[in-house]
Amino acid sequence: MKRAFVFPGQGAQVIGMGRDLAEAYPAARAVFEEVDDSLGEELSRLIWQGDIAELTLTANAQPALMAASLAAFRAMEAEGFGIEKADFVAGHSLGEYSALCAAGALALGDTARLLRLRGRAMQEAVPVGMGAMAAILGLDLAAVEEVAAEAAGDEVCAAANDNDPAQVVVSGGKAAVERAVEIARARGAKRAMLLPVSAPFHCAMMAPAAEAMEVALAGVALATPAVPLVANVAASAVSDPEEIRRLLVEQVTGRVRWRESVLWMAGQGVTEMIEIGAGKALSGMIRRIDREVAVRAVGAPADVEALRT
């Protein structure tokens, strides 16, 4: 049997995430302490007892979600279920950094600082109110690509997240994305709705953020991961540190090819995927992509303990 560890992206954040793990496992608590030290602030206080609106700010949500994922992963390690139990790692958008940290390719402190910078750079790339994202449900990728092309006009509008067979997210200029919502509804989408996000992620409008990440990543040590990373923009496995570095830059403006990534892993013989961190969004996507793949989520002490069985 082959297994993949997968790590969630933005949108999974909740106040209190990881706190019970930190109370139950010293290794999990150490993750939050190291992230706090690396950022020079008590991000853990915001995560555990702060305001959800502040936590949801991109510059906070990205390192916070990584911290919650790595806390769960360190708890798994404490129970004898570490990276040696996986054949691949993957993550959704920022989750790719969590995956690389868990696989030993990035140091925890570097990962926290990179995600803080990434969050700020993505937020600053486009003035608030100029961009938008929308989820299109009930149309496949090809249909949504046609919708986006028609809606674009002289603005950017692109399929940004290919999440599962019936959920594709478009991203771009606000007016263009609003047009895409109307066109998708007219073409039979079950639902088409604007998302409560602060910037148009994973489209060409993020080019300034990609440039910032290229500079930041050039100054960070990146090792060969213990198991291959199934990269968002390639939807296949990579292990070479320099290729990973390049793909992380490309990922800022590129499509998150999650559906294809899951299908690729299943095609390599993966029969179980474990979602590590906050929420169960990826578990739902995976089930809609391939019902033959067993899925479990690990975000609380009881989930970690269940792995022993």
Protein backbone atom coordinates (compact mmCIF):
# COMPACT_ATOMS: atom_id res chain seq x y z
CA MET A 1 0.00 0.00 0.00
CA LYS A 2 1.21 3.51 -0.83
CA ARG A 3 0.27 6.53 1.24
CA ALA A 4 0.41 10.31 0.81
CA PHE A 5 0.46 13.01 3.47
CA VAL A 6 -1.46 16.09 2.30
CA PHE A 7 -1.61 19.54 3.88
CA PRO A 8 -4.47 22.09 3.71
CA GLY A 9 -4.40 25.64 2.41
CA GLN A 10 -6.08 28.92 3.18
CA GLY A 11 -9.69 28.82 4.30
CA ALA A 12 -9.19 26.03 6.84
CA GLN A 13 -8.21 28.40 9.67
CA VAL A 14 -10.23 28.44 12.91
CA ILE A 15 -9.54 29.99 16.30
CA GLY A 16 -8.11 27.34 18.62
CA MET A 17 -6.60 25.10 15.95
CA GLY A 18 -3.77 22.97 17.27
CA ARG A 19 -4.19 24.00 20.88
CA ASP A 20 -5.30 20.57 22.10
CA LEU A 21 -2.37 19.01 20.26
CA ALA A 22 0.03 21.45 21.93
CA GLU A 23 -1.41 20.55 25.32
CA ALA A 24 -1.14 16.80 24.65
CA TYR A 25 2.21 16.63 22.85
CA PRO A 26 5.37 18.57 23.80
CA ALA A 27 6.62 18.21 20.21
CA ALA A 28 3.46 19.95 18.94
CA ARG A 29 3.84 22.78 21.46
CA ALA A 30 7.45 23.22 20.37
CA VAL A 31 6.26 23.92 16.82
CA PHE A 32 4.16 26.89 17.94
CA GLU A 33 6.98 28.16 20.14
CA GLU A 34 9.49 28.00 17.28
CA VAL A 35 7.09 29.73 14.87
CA ASP A 36 6.54 32.49 17.46
CA ASP A 37 10.31 32.90 17.88
CA SER A 38 10.92 32.91 14.13
CA LEU A 39 8.35 35.65 13.51
CA GLY A 40 9.22 37.64 16.63
CA GLU A 41 5.62 37.68 17.83
CA GLU A 42 3.08 35.48 19.59
CA LEU A 43 1.24 34.17 16.58
CA SER A 44 0.10 31.27 18.78
CA ARG A 45 -1.88 33.71 20.94
CA LEU A 46 -3.74 34.92 17.84
CA ILE A 47 -4.32 31.33 16.69
CA TRP A 48 -5.68 30.14 20.02
CA GLN A 49 -7.56 33.11 21.43
CA GLY A 50 -7.55 35.87 18.85
CA ASP A 51 -10.08 37.34 16.45
CA ILE A 52 -10.98 35.25 13.41
CA ALA A 53 -10.91 38.30 11.13
CA GLU A 54 -7.31 39.01 12.15
CA LEU A 55 -6.33 35.35 11.82
CA THR A 56 -7.87 35.27 8.33
CA LEU A 57 -5.61 38.07 7.09
CA THR A 58 -3.41 36.38 4.52
CA ALA A 59 -0.12 37.28 6.23
CA ASN A 60 -1.37 35.62 9.44
CA ALA A 61 -3.37 32.73 8.01
CA GLN A 62 -0.50 31.30 5.96
CA PRO A 63 2.07 30.77 8.75
CA ALA A 64 -0.72 29.91 11.20
CA LEU A 65 -2.09 27.08 9.08
CA MET A 66 1.42 25.76 8.53
CA ALA A 67 2.02 25.79 12.29
CA ALA A 68 -1.19 23.83 12.92
CA SER A 69 -0.22 21.28 10.26
CA LEU A 70 3.32 20.82 11.56
CA ALA A 71 2.05 20.52 15.14
CA ALA A 72 -0.21 17.66 14.04
CA PHE A 73 2.65 16.11 12.08
CA ARG A 74 5.05 16.29 15.06
CA ALA A 75 2.38 14.64 17.21
CA MET A 76 2.13 11.88 14.59
CA GLU A 77 5.90 11.45 14.73
CA ALA A 78 5.69 11.12 18.51
CA GLU A 79 3.35 8.19 17.98
CA GLY A 80 5.72 6.54 15.51
CA PHE A 81 3.91 7.72 12.37
CA GLY A 82 6.46 10.00 10.74
CA ILE A 83 7.51 10.77 7.18
CA GLU A 84 8.76 7.22 6.73
CA LYS A 85 5.11 6.16 6.57
CA ALA A 86 4.52 8.27 3.43
CA ASP A 87 5.45 7.74 -0.21
CA PHE A 88 4.54 11.27 -1.29
CA VAL A 89 3.68 14.63 0.24
CA ALA A 90 1.46 17.33 -1.29
CA GLY A 91 -0.21 20.52 -0.16
CA HIS A 92 -2.88 22.88 -1.44
CA SER A 93 -1.26 26.25 -2.24
CA LEU A 94 0.43 27.33 1.04
CA GLY A 95 0.08 23.69 2.15
CA GLU A 96 2.92 22.92 -0.23
CA TYR A 97 5.26 24.70 2.21
CA SER A 98 3.87 22.61 5.10
CA ALA A 99 4.50 19.48 3.02
CA LEU A 100 8.10 20.50 2.31
CA CYS A 101 8.75 21.27 5.97
CA ALA A 102 7.31 17.91 7.07
CA ALA A 103 9.51 16.16 4.49
CA GLY A 104 12.61 17.90 5.82
CA ALA A 105 13.22 20.08 2.76
CA LEU A 106 12.62 23.37 4.61
CA ALA A 107 13.47 24.31 8.19
CA LEU A 108 10.46 25.26 10.32
CA GLY A 109 11.68 28.79 11.03
CA ASP A 110 12.40 29.43 7.36
CA THR A 111 8.98 28.08 6.43
CA ALA A 112 7.24 30.44 8.86
CA ARG A 113 9.16 33.46 7.59
CA LEU A 114 8.60 32.54 3.94
CA LEU A 115 4.85 32.21 4.48
CA ARG A 116 4.64 35.50 6.35
CA LEU A 117 6.42 37.17 3.43
CA ARG A 118 4.32 35.26 0.88
CA GLY A 119 1.12 36.35 2.58
CA ARG A 120 2.16 39.99 2.67
CA ALA A 121 3.44 39.95 -0.90
CA MET A 122 0.23 38.36 -2.22
CA GLN A 123 -1.88 40.90 -0.33
CA GLU A 124 0.18 43.86 -1.55
CA ALA A 125 0.35 42.71 -5.18
CA VAL A 126 -3.16 43.96 -5.93
CA PRO A 127 -4.93 46.89 -4.19
CA VAL A 128 -7.87 45.78 -2.03
CA GLY A 129 -11.07 45.75 -4.08
CA MET A 130 -9.35 45.44 -7.45
CA GLY A 131 -9.32 41.65 -7.59
CA ALA A 132 -11.66 38.79 -6.71
CA MET A 133 -12.07 35.03 -6.71
CA ALA A 134 -15.17 32.93 -7.26
CA ALA A 135 -16.01 29.26 -6.84
CA ILE A 136 -17.80 27.61 -9.75
CA LEU A 137 -19.60 24.38 -8.79
CA GLY A 138 -21.02 21.90 -11.26
CA LEU A 139 -18.84 22.74 -14.27
CA ASP A 140 -15.61 20.95 -15.12
CA LEU A 141 -12.24 22.59 -15.78
CA ALA A 142 -12.68 22.85 -19.56
CA ALA A 143 -16.06 24.54 -19.16
CA VAL A 144 -14.73 26.97 -16.55
CA GLU A 145 -11.75 27.83 -18.76
CA GLU A 146 -14.23 28.81 -21.48
CA VAL A 147 -16.21 30.88 -18.96
CA ALA A 148 -13.06 32.65 -17.78
CA ALA A 149 -11.90 33.40 -21.33
CA GLU A 150 -15.28 34.92 -22.22
CA ALA A 151 -15.43 36.93 -19.00
CA ALA A 152 -11.90 38.31 -19.17
CA GLY A 153 -12.36 41.11 -21.70
CA ASP A 154 -9.31 43.34 -21.19
CA GLU A 155 -8.87 42.09 -17.60
CA VAL A 156 -7.33 38.99 -16.08
CA CYS A 157 -9.68 36.06 -15.42
CA ALA A 158 -8.33 32.53 -15.11
CA ALA A 159 -9.10 29.14 -13.62
CA ALA A 160 -6.91 29.32 -10.50
CA ASN A 161 -7.78 26.22 -8.46
CA ASP A 162 -8.87 22.97 -10.09
CA ASN A 163 -10.03 21.46 -6.82
CA ASP A 164 -12.19 18.49 -7.83
CA PRO A 165 -14.42 17.38 -10.73
CA ALA A 166 -17.20 19.78 -9.76
CA GLN A 167 -15.35 22.69 -8.12
CA VAL A 168 -13.10 25.12 -9.97
CA VAL A 169 -12.11 28.55 -8.63
CA VAL A 170 -11.57 31.51 -10.94
CA SER A 171 -9.37 34.49 -10.09
CA GLY A 172 -8.67 37.89 -11.60
CA GLY A 173 -9.94 41.42 -11.86
CA LYS A 174 -13.08 42.09 -9.84
CA ALA A 175 -15.36 43.01 -12.75
CA ALA A 176 -14.13 40.09 -14.84
CA VAL A 177 -14.71 37.58 -12.04
CA GLU A 178 -18.19 39.00 -11.46
CA ARG A 179 -18.90 38.49 -15.17
CA ALA A 180 -17.60 34.92 -14.88
CA VAL A 181 -20.09 34.23 -12.10
CA GLU A 182 -23.00 35.38 -14.28
CA ILE A 183 -21.77 33.47 -17.35
CA ALA A 184 -21.25 30.30 -15.30
CA ARG A 185 -24.78 30.51 -13.91
CA ALA A 186 -26.14 30.94 -17.42
CA ARG A 187 -24.21 27.87 -18.55
CA GLY A 188 -25.72 25.64 -15.88
CA ALA A 189 -23.37 25.86 -12.93
CA LYS A 190 -25.01 24.50 -9.78
CA ARG A 191 -23.55 27.42 -7.86
CA ALA A 192 -21.27 30.32 -8.70
CA MET A 193 -20.28 32.64 -5.88
CA LEU A 194 -17.68 35.22 -4.99
CA LEU A 195 -15.30 34.08 -2.24
CA PRO A 196 -14.45 36.16 0.85
CA VAL A 197 -10.77 36.59 -0.03
CA SER A 198 -8.61 39.69 0.08
CA ALA A 199 -6.75 39.23 -3.22
CA PRO A 200 -6.94 37.32 -6.55
CA PHE A 201 -4.57 34.44 -5.82
CA HIS A 202 -3.00 32.12 -8.41
CA CYS A 203 -3.40 34.32 -11.46
CA ALA A 204 -1.21 36.70 -13.48
CA MET A 205 -2.11 39.61 -11.17
CA MET A 206 0.13 37.99 -8.55
CA ALA A 207 3.29 38.61 -10.62
CA PRO A 208 4.75 41.11 -8.10
CA ALA A 209 4.35 38.52 -5.34
CA ALA A 210 6.06 35.88 -7.49
CA GLU A 211 9.02 38.24 -7.93
CA ALA A 212 9.20 38.78 -4.16
CA MET A 213 9.10 35.03 -3.52
CA GLU A 214 11.83 34.39 -6.08
CA VAL A 215 14.13 36.70 -4.13
CA ALA A 216 13.12 35.23 -0.76
CA LEU A 217 13.46 31.60 -1.86
CA ALA A 218 16.88 32.27 -3.37
CA GLY A 219 18.16 33.06 0.12
CA VAL A 220 16.78 29.98 1.86
CA ALA A 221 18.35 26.52 2.22
CA LEU A 222 16.22 23.91 0.46
CA ALA A 223 17.14 20.24 0.84
CA THR A 224 15.98 17.17 -1.04
CA PRO A 225 12.68 16.09 0.62
CA ALA A 226 12.64 12.70 2.34
CA VAL A 227 9.81 11.69 -0.01
CA PRO A 228 8.86 13.35 -3.33
CA LEU A 229 6.60 16.41 -3.41
CA VAL A 230 3.64 16.30 -5.79
CA ALA A 231 3.80 19.92 -6.89
CA ASN A 232 0.69 22.05 -7.44
CA VAL A 233 1.68 23.45 -10.82
CA ALA A 234 3.20 20.21 -12.17
CA ALA A 235 0.66 17.68 -10.81
CA SER A 236 3.54 15.20 -10.60
CA ALA A 237 6.40 14.36 -8.25
CA VAL A 238 9.57 16.43 -7.87
CA SER A 239 12.56 15.96 -5.55
CA ASP A 240 15.28 18.20 -6.96
CA PRO A 241 15.63 21.25 -4.67
CA GLU A 242 16.25 23.70 -7.51
CA GLU A 243 13.21 22.45 -9.43
CA ILE A 244 11.12 22.76 -6.26
CA ARG A 245 12.40 26.31 -5.76
CA ARG A 246 11.37 27.22 -9.32
CA LEU A 247 7.95 25.63 -8.99
CA LEU A 248 7.26 27.45 -5.69
CA VAL A 249 7.77 30.74 -7.53
CA GLU A 250 5.63 29.60 -10.46
CA GLN A 251 2.92 28.49 -8.02
CA VAL A 252 2.19 32.09 -6.95
CA THR A 253 0.71 32.94 -10.36
CA GLY A 254 0.05 29.37 -11.54
CA ARG A 255 -2.93 27.07 -11.19
CA VAL A 256 -3.31 24.76 -8.21
CA ARG A 257 -3.83 21.48 -10.08
CA TRP A 258 -5.22 19.61 -7.08
CA ARG A 259 -7.60 17.28 -8.96
CA GLU A 260 -4.82 16.22 -11.31
CA SER A 261 -2.37 15.82 -8.42
CA VAL A 262 -4.70 13.42 -6.59
CA LEU A 263 -5.31 11.44 -9.78
CA TRP A 264 -1.56 11.28 -10.43
CA MET A 265 -0.90 9.91 -6.94
CA ALA A 266 -3.70 7.35 -7.30
CA GLY A 267 -2.16 6.35 -10.62
CA GLN A 268 1.13 5.70 -8.81
CA GLY A 269 -0.61 3.25 -6.49
CA VAL A 270 -1.50 5.55 -3.58
CA THR A 271 -4.51 4.07 -1.81
CA GLU A 272 -4.55 6.21 1.36
CA MET A 273 -4.23 9.96 1.87
CA ILE A 274 -3.92 11.55 5.29
CA GLU A 275 -4.89 15.22 5.61
CA ILE A 276 -2.72 16.78 8.31
CA GLY A 277 -3.80 20.01 10.01
CA ALA A 278 -6.91 22.15 10.33
CA GLY A 279 -10.22 21.13 8.79
CA LYS A 280 -11.23 18.43 6.34
CA ALA A 281 -11.56 20.37 3.08
CA LEU A 282 -8.99 18.28 1.22
CA SER A 283 -10.59 15.05 2.43
CA GLY A 284 -13.86 16.07 0.80
CA MET A 285 -12.11 17.00 -2.45
CA ILE A 286 -10.19 13.72 -2.55
CA ARG A 287 -13.38 11.69 -2.06
CA ARG A 288 -15.00 13.53 -4.97
CA ILE A 289 -11.92 12.96 -7.15
CA ASP A 290 -11.40 9.23 -6.48
CA ARG A 291 -13.71 7.23 -4.23
CA GLU A 292 -11.24 4.33 -4.22
CA VAL A 293 -8.72 6.32 -2.16
CA ALA A 294 -9.12 5.97 1.61
CA VAL A 295 -9.00 9.32 3.40
CA ARG A 296 -8.53 10.33 7.02
CA ALA A 297 -7.92 13.71 8.65
CA VAL A 298 -5.52 14.28 11.55
CA GLY A 299 -6.10 17.51 13.45
CA ALA A 300 -6.71 16.51 17.07
CA PRO A 301 -5.12 14.19 19.65
CA ALA A 302 -7.79 11.51 19.12
CA ASP A 303 -6.96 11.47 15.38
CA VAL A 304 -3.27 10.99 16.16
CA GLU A 305 -3.95 8.21 18.63
CA ALA A 306 -6.17 6.45 16.07
CA LEU A 307 -3.19 6.12 13.73
CA ARG A 308 -1.62 3.63 16.13
CA THR A 309 -4.39 1.19 15.30
